[in-house]
């Protein structure tokens, strides 16, 4: 395989991995939002006192927001690492091609 083919293959695999991971992250984001919203809406089932209901709803809402932020942060880091590896492979094959041309 040529170095150009290797670079193209590395970028293609990286973008496919990012797309698949994006779909997984989106589904997880939706599930956490759905379950978290359900828990916030049903906080009155956990207590009778309105002050406790408000506190429980706030706690569930905060946990949901933290979960959603964590999903986005993990997606961002994983995508950056995946594309970074593709960039390193691309740069390494480009340097190898330049080195072989200099030796000829």
PDB file of N, CA and C in Angstrom:
ATOM      1  N   UNK A   1       0.845  -1.171   0.000  1.00  0.00           N
ATOM      2  CA  UNK A   1       0.000   0.000   0.000  1.00  0.00           C
ATOM      3  C   UNK A   1       0.893   1.238   0.000  1.00  0.00           C
ATOM      4  N   UNK A   2       0.523   2.195  -0.783  1.00  0.00           N
ATOM      5  CA  UNK A   2       1.300   3.426  -0.861  1.00  0.00           C
ATOM      6  C   UNK A   2       1.077   4.266   0.384  1.00  0.00           C
ATOM      7  N   UNK A   3       1.960   5.236   0.562  1.00  0.00           N
ATOM      8  CA  UNK A   3       1.809   6.096   1.742  1.00  0.00           C
ATOM      9  C   UNK A   3       0.553   6.947   1.633  1.00  0.00           C
ATOM     10  N   UNK A   4       0.200   7.326   0.415  1.00  0.00           N
ATOM     11  CA  UNK A   4      -1.042   8.095   0.234  1.00  0.00           C
ATOM     12  C   UNK A   4      -2.252   7.240   0.600  1.00  0.00           C
ATOM     13  N   UNK A   5      -2.204   5.969   0.204  1.00  0.00           N
ATOM     14  CA  UNK A   5      -3.283   5.046   0.557  1.00  0.00           C
ATOM     15  C   UNK A   5      -3.366   4.813   2.060  1.00  0.00           C
ATOM     16  N   UNK A   6      -2.218   4.756   2.710  1.00  0.00           N
ATOM     17  CA  UNK A   6      -2.190   4.580   4.161  1.00  0.00           C
ATOM     18  C   UNK A   6      -2.799   5.790   4.856  1.00  0.00           C
ATOM     19  N   UNK A   7      -2.451   6.979   4.390  1.00  0.00           N
ATOM     20  CA  UNK A   7      -3.024   8.198   4.985  1.00  0.00           C
ATOM     21  C   UNK A   7      -4.529   8.232   4.790  1.00  0.00           C
ATOM     22  N   UNK A   8      -4.970   7.924   3.592  1.00  0.00           N
ATOM     23  CA  UNK A   8      -6.407   7.932   3.309  1.00  0.00           C
ATOM     24  C   UNK A   8      -7.136   6.892   4.166  1.00  0.00           C
ATOM     25  N   UNK A   9      -6.544   5.709   4.307  1.00  0.00           N
ATOM     26  CA  UNK A   9      -7.142   4.659   5.124  1.00  0.00           C
ATOM     27  C   UNK A   9      -7.223   5.082   6.594  1.00  0.00           C
ATOM     28  N   UNK A  10      -6.163   5.710   7.096  1.00  0.00           N
ATOM     29  CA  UNK A  10      -6.151   6.161   8.498  1.00  0.00           C
ATOM     30  C   UNK A  10      -7.248   7.193   8.742  1.00  0.00           C
ATOM     31  N   UNK A  11      -7.392   8.156   7.836  1.00  0.00           N
ATOM     32  CA  UNK A  11      -8.426   9.185   8.001  1.00  0.00           C
ATOM     33  C   UNK A  11      -9.826   8.602   7.836  1.00  0.00           C
ATOM     34  N   UNK A  12      -9.992   7.666   6.915  1.00  0.00           N
ATOM     35  CA  UNK A  12     -11.306   7.044   6.718  1.00  0.00           C
ATOM     36  C   UNK A  12     -11.731   6.265   7.951  1.00  0.00           C
ATOM     37  N   UNK A  13     -10.822   5.471   8.479  1.00  0.00           N
ATOM     38  CA  UNK A  13     -11.136   4.701   9.690  1.00  0.00           C
ATOM     39  C   UNK A  13     -11.421   5.632  10.854  1.00  0.00           C
ATOM     40  N   UNK A  14     -10.631   6.694  10.988  1.00  0.00           N
ATOM     41  CA  UNK A  14     -10.833   7.634  12.096  1.00  0.00           C
ATOM     42  C   UNK A  14     -12.206   8.298  12.010  1.00  0.00           C
ATOM     43  N   UNK A  15     -12.591   8.751  10.834  1.00  0.00           N
ATOM     44  CA  UNK A  15     -13.894   9.415  10.704  1.00  0.00           C
ATOM     45  C   UNK A  15     -15.046   8.442  10.887  1.00  0.00           C
ATOM     46  N   UNK A  16     -14.872   7.199  10.464  1.00  0.00           N
ATOM     47  CA  UNK A  16     -15.921   6.192  10.707  1.00  0.00           C
ATOM     48  C   UNK A  16     -16.057   5.938  12.204  1.00  0.00           C
ATOM     49  N   UNK A  17     -14.933   5.812  12.899  1.00  0.00           N
ATOM     50  CA  UNK A  17     -14.983   5.616  14.348  1.00  0.00           C
ATOM     51  C   UNK A  17     -15.642   6.804  15.052  1.00  0.00           C
ATOM     52  N   UNK A  18     -15.324   8.005  14.630  1.00  0.00           N
ATOM     53  CA  UNK A  18     -15.939   9.199  15.228  1.00  0.00           C
ATOM     54  C   UNK A  18     -17.442   9.205  14.959  1.00  0.00           C
ATOM     55  N   UNK A  19     -17.851   8.830  13.761  1.00  0.00           N
ATOM     56  CA  UNK A  19     -19.283   8.812  13.435  1.00  0.00           C
ATOM     57  C   UNK A  19     -20.021   7.767  14.273  1.00  0.00           C
ATOM     58  N   UNK A  20     -19.453   6.576  14.407  1.00  0.00           N
ATOM     59  CA  UNK A  20     -20.100   5.529  15.205  1.00  0.00           C
ATOM     60  C   UNK A  20     -20.153   5.950  16.676  1.00  0.00           C
ATOM     61  N   UNK A  21     -19.053   6.473  17.187  1.00  0.00           N
ATOM     62  CA  UNK A  21     -19.036   6.905  18.580  1.00  0.00           C
ATOM     63  C   UNK A  21     -19.991   8.076  18.804  1.00  0.00           C
ATOM     64  N   UNK A  22     -20.156   8.928  17.797  1.00  0.00           N
ATOM     65  CA  UNK A  22     -21.107  10.037  17.911  1.00  0.00           C
ATOM     66  C   UNK A  22     -22.535   9.519  18.027  1.00  0.00           C
ATOM     67  N   UNK A  23     -22.861   8.494  17.264  1.00  0.00           N
ATOM     68  CA  UNK A  23     -24.198   7.906  17.366  1.00  0.00           C
ATOM     69  C   UNK A  23     -24.428   7.263  18.730  1.00  0.00           C
ATOM     70  N   UNK A  24     -23.421   6.580  19.240  1.00  0.00           N
ATOM     71  CA  UNK A  24     -23.532   5.978  20.568  1.00  0.00           C
ATOM     72  C   UNK A  24     -23.685   7.069  21.635  1.00  0.00           C
ATOM     73  N   UNK A  25     -22.893   8.122  21.520  1.00  0.00           N
ATOM     74  CA  UNK A  25     -22.979   9.225  22.482  1.00  0.00           C
ATOM     75  C   UNK A  25     -24.335   9.914  22.406  1.00  0.00           C
ATOM     76  N   UNK A  26     -24.855  10.079  21.201  1.00  0.00           N
ATOM     77  CA  UNK A  26     -26.169  10.710  21.041  1.00  0.00           C
ATOM     78  C   UNK A  26     -27.264   9.854  21.668  1.00  0.00           C
ATOM     79  N   UNK A  27     -27.204   8.551  21.460  1.00  0.00           N
ATOM     80  CA  UNK A  27     -28.198   7.656  22.069  1.00  0.00           C
ATOM     81  C   UNK A  27     -28.087   7.673  23.593  1.00  0.00           C
ATOM     82  N   UNK A  28     -26.877   7.675  24.107  1.00  0.00           N
ATOM     83  CA  UNK A  28     -26.673   7.730  25.549  1.00  0.00           C
ATOM     84  C   UNK A  28     -27.167   9.055  26.115  1.00  0.00           C
ATOM     85  N   UNK A  29     -26.889  10.144  25.410  1.00  0.00           N
ATOM     86  CA  UNK A  29     -27.348  11.467  25.818  1.00  0.00           C
ATOM     87  C   UNK A  29     -28.879  11.488  25.905  1.00  0.00           C
ATOM     88  N   UNK A  30     -29.533  10.940  24.900  1.00  0.00           N
ATOM     89  CA  UNK A  30     -30.998  10.890  24.899  1.00  0.00           C
ATOM     90  C   UNK A  30     -31.542  10.041  26.029  1.00  0.00           C
ATOM     91  N   UNK A  31     -30.899   8.901  26.300  1.00  0.00           N
ATOM     92  CA  UNK A  31     -31.358   8.022  27.373  1.00  0.00           C
ATOM     93  C   UNK A  31     -31.192   8.687  28.739  1.00  0.00           C
ATOM     94  N   UNK A  32     -30.042   9.323  28.971  1.00  0.00           N
ATOM     95  CA  UNK A  32     -29.817  10.005  30.248  1.00  0.00           C
ATOM     96  C   UNK A  32     -30.797  11.164  30.407  1.00  0.00           C
ATOM     97  N   UNK A  33     -31.039  11.901  29.344  1.00  0.00           N
ATOM     98  CA  UNK A  33     -31.986  13.014  29.404  1.00  0.00           C
ATOM     99  C   UNK A  33     -33.405  12.512  29.682  1.00  0.00           C
ATOM    100  N   UNK A  34     -33.791  11.431  29.029  1.00  0.00           N
ATOM    101  CA  UNK A  34     -35.128  10.871  29.223  1.00  0.00           C
ATOM    102  C   UNK A  34     -35.323  10.362  30.650  1.00  0.00           C
ATOM    103  N   UNK A  35     -34.383   9.556  31.131  1.00  0.00           N
ATOM    104  CA  UNK A  35     -34.490   8.997  32.478  1.00  0.00           C
ATOM    105  C   UNK A  35     -34.366  10.096  33.535  1.00  0.00           C
ATOM    106  N   UNK A  36     -33.444  11.041  33.303  1.00  0.00           N
ATOM    107  CA  UNK A  36     -33.288  12.148  34.252  1.00  0.00           C
ATOM    108  C   UNK A  36     -34.513  13.034  34.308  1.00  0.00           C
ATOM    109  N   UNK A  37     -35.099  13.314  33.162  1.00  0.00           N
ATOM    110  CA  UNK A  37     -36.323  14.110  33.135  1.00  0.00           C
ATOM    111  C   UNK A  37     -37.478  13.388  33.813  1.00  0.00           C
ATOM    112  N   UNK A  38     -37.546  12.084  33.621  1.00  0.00           N
ATOM    113  CA  UNK A  38     -38.578  11.281  34.279  1.00  0.00           C
ATOM    114  C   UNK A  38     -38.394  11.339  35.796  1.00  0.00           C
ATOM    115  N   UNK A  39     -37.152  11.230  36.272  1.00  0.00           N
ATOM    116  CA  UNK A  39     -36.887  11.276  37.709  1.00  0.00           C
ATOM    117  C   UNK A  39     -37.227  12.651  38.290  1.00  0.00           C
ATOM    118  N   UNK A  40     -36.903  13.714  37.563  1.00  0.00           N
ATOM    119  CA  UNK A  40     -37.224  15.061  38.042  1.00  0.00           C
ATOM    120  C   UNK A  40     -38.734  15.255  38.113  1.00  0.00           C
ATOM    121  N   UNK A  41     -39.442  14.788  37.102  1.00  0.00           N
ATOM    122  CA  UNK A  41     -40.899  14.952  37.079  1.00  0.00           C
ATOM    123  C   UNK A  41     -41.590  14.127  38.155  1.00  0.00           C
ATOM    124  N   UNK A  42     -40.981  13.041  38.576  1.00  0.00           N
ATOM    125  CA  UNK A  42     -41.603  12.161  39.564  1.00  0.00           C
ATOM    126  C   UNK A  42     -41.009  12.336  40.960  1.00  0.00           C
ATOM    127  N   UNK A  43     -40.343  13.437  41.222  1.00  0.00           N
ATOM    128  CA  UNK A  43     -39.726  13.662  42.539  1.00  0.00           C
ATOM    129  C   UNK A  43     -40.761  13.700  43.649  1.00  0.00           C
ATOM    130  N   UNK A  44     -41.991  14.065  43.335  1.00  0.00           N
ATOM    131  CA  UNK A  44     -43.025  14.136  44.367  1.00  0.00           C
ATOM    132  C   UNK A  44     -43.421  12.751  44.886  1.00  0.00           C
ATOM    133  N   UNK A  45     -43.042  11.695  44.179  1.00  0.00           N
ATOM    134  CA  UNK A  45     -43.335  10.339  44.644  1.00  0.00           C
ATOM    135  C   UNK A  45     -42.375   9.907  45.750  1.00  0.00           C
ATOM    136  N   UNK A  46     -41.245  10.588  45.897  1.00  0.00           N
ATOM    137  CA  UNK A  46     -40.243  10.207  46.883  1.00  0.00           C
ATOM    138  C   UNK A  46     -40.503  10.845  48.246  1.00  0.00           C
ATOM    139  N   UNK A  47     -41.248  11.940  48.290  1.00  0.00           N
ATOM    140  CA  UNK A  47     -41.504  12.628  49.556  1.00  0.00           C
ATOM    141  C   UNK A  47     -42.835  13.365  49.470  1.00  0.00           C
ATOM    142  N   UNK A  48     -43.382  13.702  50.634  1.00  0.00           N
ATOM    143  CA  UNK A  48     -44.645  14.447  50.686  1.00  0.00           C
ATOM    144  C   UNK A  48     -44.412  15.938  50.949  1.00  0.00           C
ATOM    145  N   UNK A  49     -43.393  16.238  51.701  1.00  0.00           N
ATOM    146  CA  UNK A  49     -43.115  17.626  52.051  1.00  0.00           C
ATOM    147  C   UNK A  49     -42.647  18.389  50.811  1.00  0.00           C
ATOM    148  N   UNK A  50     -43.280  19.541  50.480  1.00  0.00           N
ATOM    149  CA  UNK A  50     -42.891  20.288  49.275  1.00  0.00           C
ATOM    150  C   UNK A  50     -41.425  20.728  49.259  1.00  0.00           C
ATOM    151  N   UNK A  51     -40.870  20.999  50.431  1.00  0.00           N
ATOM    152  CA  UNK A  51     -39.467  21.402  50.485  1.00  0.00           C
ATOM    153  C   UNK A  51     -38.560  20.233  50.117  1.00  0.00           C
ATOM    154  N   UNK A  52     -38.889  19.048  50.596  1.00  0.00           N
ATOM    155  CA  UNK A  52     -38.112  17.861  50.239  1.00  0.00           C
ATOM    156  C   UNK A  52     -38.278  17.510  48.768  1.00  0.00           C
ATOM    157  N   UNK A  53     -39.496  17.685  48.250  1.00  0.00           N
ATOM    158  CA  UNK A  53     -39.732  17.420  46.829  1.00  0.00           C
ATOM    159  C   UNK A  53     -38.871  18.347  45.975  1.00  0.00           C
ATOM    160  N   UNK A  54     -38.816  19.614  46.365  1.00  0.00           N
ATOM    161  CA  UNK A  54     -37.999  20.581  45.610  1.00  0.00           C
ATOM    162  C   UNK A  54     -36.518  20.202  45.666  1.00  0.00           C
ATOM    163  N   UNK A  55     -36.056  19.771  46.844  1.00  0.00           N
ATOM    164  CA  UNK A  55     -34.660  19.389  46.979  1.00  0.00           C
ATOM    165  C   UNK A  55     -34.353  18.147  46.153  1.00  0.00           C
ATOM    166  N   UNK A  56     -35.231  17.148  46.202  1.00  0.00           N
ATOM    167  CA  UNK A  56     -35.025  15.915  45.434  1.00  0.00           C
ATOM    168  C   UNK A  56     -35.048  16.208  43.934  1.00  0.00           C
ATOM    169  N   UNK A  57     -35.970  17.058  43.498  1.00  0.00           N
ATOM    170  CA  UNK A  57     -36.028  17.427  42.079  1.00  0.00           C
ATOM    171  C   UNK A  57     -34.750  18.156  41.665  1.00  0.00           C
ATOM    172  N   UNK A  58     -34.266  19.050  42.512  1.00  0.00           N
ATOM    173  CA  UNK A  58     -33.020  19.765  42.214  1.00  0.00           C
ATOM    174  C   UNK A  58     -31.854  18.782  42.107  1.00  0.00           C
ATOM    175  N   UNK A  59     -31.805  17.804  43.050  1.00  0.00           N
ATOM    176  CA  UNK A  59     -30.725  16.822  43.037  1.00  0.00           C
ATOM    177  C   UNK A  59     -30.753  15.986  41.749  1.00  0.00           C
ATOM    178  N   UNK A  60     -31.945  15.503  41.370  1.00  0.00           N
ATOM    179  CA  UNK A  60     -32.059  14.723  40.135  1.00  0.00           C
ATOM    180  C   UNK A  60     -31.707  15.573  38.906  1.00  0.00           C
ATOM    181  N   UNK A  61     -32.133  16.816  38.901  1.00  0.00           N
ATOM    182  CA  UNK A  61     -31.833  17.702  37.778  1.00  0.00           C
ATOM    183  C   UNK A  61     -30.334  17.956  37.671  1.00  0.00           C
ATOM    184  N   UNK A  62     -29.694  18.147  38.819  1.00  0.00           N
ATOM    185  CA  UNK A  62     -28.241  18.364  38.828  1.00  0.00           C
ATOM    186  C   UNK A  62     -27.494  17.121  38.350  1.00  0.00           C
ATOM    187  N   UNK A  63     -27.921  15.963  38.837  1.00  0.00           N
ATOM    188  CA  UNK A  63     -27.279  14.718  38.387  1.00  0.00           C
ATOM    189  C   UNK A  63     -27.464  14.507  36.885  1.00  0.00           C
ATOM    190  N   UNK A  64     -28.652  14.814  36.380  1.00  0.00           N
ATOM    191  CA  UNK A  64     -28.893  14.683  34.940  1.00  0.00           C
ATOM    192  C   UNK A  64     -27.982  15.627  34.157  1.00  0.00           C
ATOM    193  N   UNK A  65     -27.877  16.877  34.617  1.00  0.00           N
ATOM    194  CA  UNK A  65     -27.026  17.839  33.922  1.00  0.00           C
ATOM    195  C   UNK A  65     -25.552  17.438  33.961  1.00  0.00           C
ATOM    196  N   UNK A  66     -25.107  16.915  35.100  1.00  0.00           N
ATOM    197  CA  UNK A  66     -23.720  16.438  35.187  1.00  0.00           C
ATOM    198  C   UNK A  66     -23.485  15.251  34.254  1.00  0.00           C
ATOM    199  N   UNK A  67     -24.457  14.357  34.182  1.00  0.00           N
ATOM    200  CA  UNK A  67     -24.338  13.211  33.281  1.00  0.00           C
ATOM    201  C   UNK A  67     -24.269  13.632  31.826  1.00  0.00           C
ATOM    202  N   UNK A  68     -25.111  14.601  31.452  1.00  0.00           N
ATOM    203  CA  UNK A  68     -25.105  15.080  30.072  1.00  0.00           C
ATOM    204  C   UNK A  68     -23.793  15.775  29.739  1.00  0.00           C
ATOM    205  N   UNK A  69     -23.282  16.565  30.684  1.00  0.00           N
ATOM    206  CA  UNK A  69     -21.994  17.232  30.460  1.00  0.00           C
ATOM    207  C   UNK A  69     -20.861  16.212  30.351  1.00  0.00           C
ATOM    208  N   UNK A  70     -20.924  15.154  31.159  1.00  0.00           N
ATOM    209  CA  UNK A  70     -19.890  14.109  31.103  1.00  0.00           C
ATOM    210  C   UNK A  70     -19.923  13.381  29.759  1.00  0.00           C
ATOM    211  N   UNK A  71     -21.113  13.130  29.247  1.00  0.00           N
ATOM    212  CA  UNK A  71     -21.229  12.453  27.944  1.00  0.00           C
ATOM    213  C   UNK A  71     -20.599  13.305  26.849  1.00  0.00           C
ATOM    214  N   UNK A  72     -20.888  14.591  26.854  1.00  0.00           N
ATOM    215  CA  UNK A  72     -20.322  15.489  25.843  1.00  0.00           C
ATOM    216  C   UNK A  72     -18.798  15.572  25.996  1.00  0.00           C
ATOM    217  N   UNK A  73     -18.305  15.669  27.227  1.00  0.00           N
ATOM    218  CA  UNK A  73     -16.863  15.765  27.458  1.00  0.00           C
ATOM    219  C   UNK A  73     -16.145  14.486  27.007  1.00  0.00           C
ATOM    220  N   UNK A  74     -16.708  13.338  27.329  1.00  0.00           N
ATOM    221  CA  UNK A  74     -16.101  12.068  26.915  1.00  0.00           C
ATOM    222  C   UNK A  74     -16.108  11.945  25.397  1.00  0.00           C
ATOM    223  N   UNK A  75     -17.215  12.349  24.764  1.00  0.00           N
ATOM    224  CA  UNK A  75     -17.289  12.308  23.304  1.00  0.00           C
ATOM    225  C   UNK A  75     -16.214  13.211  22.694  1.00  0.00           C
ATOM    226  N   UNK A  76     -16.068  14.410  23.250  1.00  0.00           N
ATOM    227  CA  UNK A  76     -15.092  15.355  22.718  1.00  0.00           C
ATOM    228  C   UNK A  76     -13.666  14.823  22.841  1.00  0.00           C
ATOM    229  N   UNK A  77     -13.322  14.291  24.003  1.00  0.00           N
ATOM    230  CA  UNK A  77     -11.970  13.772  24.222  1.00  0.00           C
ATOM    231  C   UNK A  77     -11.703  12.552  23.332  1.00  0.00           C
ATOM    232  N   UNK A  78     -12.656  11.633  23.270  1.00  0.00           N
ATOM    233  CA  UNK A  78     -12.467  10.429  22.452  1.00  0.00           C
ATOM    234  C   UNK A  78     -12.334  10.777  20.972  1.00  0.00           C
ATOM    235  N   UNK A  79     -13.139  11.721  20.505  1.00  0.00           N
ATOM    236  CA  UNK A  79     -13.047  12.133  19.097  1.00  0.00           C
ATOM    237  C   UNK A  79     -11.713  12.818  18.817  1.00  0.00           C
ATOM    238  N   UNK A  80     -11.273  13.660  19.738  1.00  0.00           N
ATOM    239  CA  UNK A  80      -9.988  14.338  19.554  1.00  0.00           C
ATOM    240  C   UNK A  80      -8.833  13.342  19.529  1.00  0.00           C
ATOM    241  N   UNK A  81      -8.879  12.353  20.401  1.00  0.00           N
ATOM    242  CA  UNK A  81      -7.815  11.330  20.419  1.00  0.00           C
ATOM    243  C   UNK A  81      -7.832  10.524  19.122  1.00  0.00           C
ATOM    244  N   UNK A  82      -9.018  10.131  18.674  1.00  0.00           N
ATOM    245  CA  UNK A  82      -9.126   9.343  17.440  1.00  0.00           C
ATOM    246  C   UNK A  82      -8.576  10.121  16.250  1.00  0.00           C
ATOM    247  N   UNK A  83      -8.991  11.364  16.115  1.00  0.00           N
ATOM    248  CA  UNK A  83      -8.508  12.173  14.989  1.00  0.00           C
ATOM    249  C   UNK A  83      -7.029  12.536  15.157  1.00  0.00           C
ATOM    250  N   UNK A  84      -6.575  12.665  16.404  1.00  0.00           N
ATOM    251  CA  UNK A  84      -5.156  12.931  16.652  1.00  0.00           C
ATOM    252  C   UNK A  84      -4.278  11.763  16.225  1.00  0.00           C
ATOM    253  N   UNK A  85      -4.735  10.552  16.500  1.00  0.00           N
ATOM    254  CA  UNK A  85      -3.979   9.366  16.072  1.00  0.00           C
ATOM    255  C   UNK A  85      -3.916   9.322  14.543  1.00  0.00           C
ATOM    256  N   UNK A  86      -5.031   9.640  13.888  1.00  0.00           N
ATOM    257  CA  UNK A  86      -5.026   9.659  12.416  1.00  0.00           C
ATOM    258  C   UNK A  86      -4.058  10.718  11.896  1.00  0.00           C
ATOM    259  N   UNK A  87      -4.010  11.860  12.562  1.00  0.00           N
ATOM    260  CA  UNK A  87      -3.088  12.919  12.140  1.00  0.00           C
ATOM    261  C   UNK A  87      -1.638  12.489  12.323  1.00  0.00           C
ATOM    262  N   UNK A  88      -1.349  11.803  13.411  1.00  0.00           N
ATOM    263  CA  UNK A  88       0.023  11.321  13.656  1.00  0.00           C
ATOM    264  C   UNK A  88       0.405  10.279  12.609  1.00  0.00           C
ATOM    265  N   UNK A  89      -0.505   9.352  12.310  1.00  0.00           N
ATOM    266  CA  UNK A  89      -0.226   8.341  11.281  1.00  0.00           C
ATOM    267  C   UNK A  89      -0.003   9.018   9.928  1.00  0.00           C
ATOM    268  N   UNK A  90      -0.835   9.982   9.616  1.00  0.00           N
ATOM    269  CA  UNK A  90      -0.695  10.701   8.345  1.00  0.00           C
ATOM    270  C   UNK A  90       0.640  11.438   8.264  1.00  0.00           C
ATOM    271  N   UNK A  91       1.006  12.095   9.346  1.00  0.00           N
ATOM    272  CA  UNK A  91       2.277  12.823   9.382  1.00  0.00           C
ATOM    273  C   UNK A  91       3.456  11.857   9.299  1.00  0.00           C
ATOM    274  N   UNK A  92       3.362  10.729  10.003  1.00  0.00           N
ATOM    275  CA  UNK A  92       4.456   9.760   9.990  1.00  0.00           C
ATOM    276  C   UNK A  92       4.645   9.160   8.600  1.00  0.00           C
ATOM    277  N   UNK A  93       3.556   8.860   7.900  1.00  0.00           N
ATOM    278  CA  UNK A  93       3.698   8.293   6.559  1.00  0.00           C
ATOM    279  C   UNK A  93       4.188   9.347   5.578  1.00  0.00           C
ATOM    280  N   UNK A  94       3.810  10.599   5.789  1.00  0.00           N
ATOM    281  CA  UNK A  94       4.299  11.669   4.922  1.00  0.00           C
ATOM    282  C   UNK A  94       5.795  11.844   5.118  1.00  0.00           C
ATOM    283  N   UNK A  95       6.256  11.798   6.378  1.00  0.00           N
ATOM    284  CA  UNK A  95       7.686  11.915   6.657  1.00  0.00           C
ATOM    285  C   UNK A  95       8.456  10.725   6.095  1.00  0.00           C
ATOM    286  N   UNK A  96       7.865   9.540   6.169  1.00  0.00           N
ATOM    287  CA  UNK A  96       8.529   8.354   5.640  1.00  0.00           C
ATOM    288  C   UNK A  96       8.674   8.477   4.121  1.00  0.00           C
ATOM    289  N   UNK A  97       7.625   8.999   3.470  1.00  0.00           N
ATOM    290  CA  UNK A  97       7.691   9.193   2.015  1.00  0.00           C
ATOM    291  C   UNK A  97       8.776  10.205   1.660  1.00  0.00           C
ATOM    292  N   UNK A  98       8.866  11.290   2.416  1.00  0.00           N
ATOM    293  CA  UNK A  98       9.870  12.316   2.167  1.00  0.00           C
ATOM    294  C   UNK A  98      11.270  11.752   2.393  1.00  0.00           C
ATOM    295  N   UNK A  99      11.435  10.918   3.427  1.00  0.00           N
ATOM    296  CA  UNK A  99      12.736  10.319   3.711  1.00  0.00           C
ATOM    297  C   UNK A  99      13.150   9.360   2.602  1.00  0.00           C
ATOM    298  N   UNK A 100      12.197   8.540   2.090  1.00  0.00           N
ATOM    299  CA  UNK A 100      12.543   7.609   1.015  1.00  0.00           C
ATOM    300  C   UNK A 100      12.903   8.351  -0.273  1.00  0.00           C
ATOM    301  N   UNK A 101      12.212   9.480  -0.555  1.00  0.00           N
ATOM    302  CA  UNK A 101      12.530  10.256  -1.743  1.00  0.00           C
ATOM    303  C   UNK A 101      13.929  10.856  -1.635  1.00  0.00           C
ATOM    304  N   UNK A 102      14.342  11.241  -0.459  1.00  0.00           N
ATOM    305  CA  UNK A 102      15.664  11.846  -0.266  1.00  0.00           C
ATOM    306  C   UNK A 102      16.766  10.812  -0.438  1.00  0.00           C
ATOM    307  N   UNK A 103      16.502   9.564  -0.137  1.00  0.00           N
ATOM    308  CA  UNK A 103      17.506   8.516  -0.256  1.00  0.00           C
ATOM    309  C   UNK A 103      17.710   8.087  -1.694  1.00  0.00           C
ATOM    310  N   UNK A 104      16.785   8.347  -2.585  1.00  0.00           N
ATOM    311  CA  UNK A 104      16.911   7.896  -3.979  1.00  0.00           C
ATOM    312  C   UNK A 104      17.874   8.705  -4.757  1.00  0.00           C
TER     313      UNK A 104
END
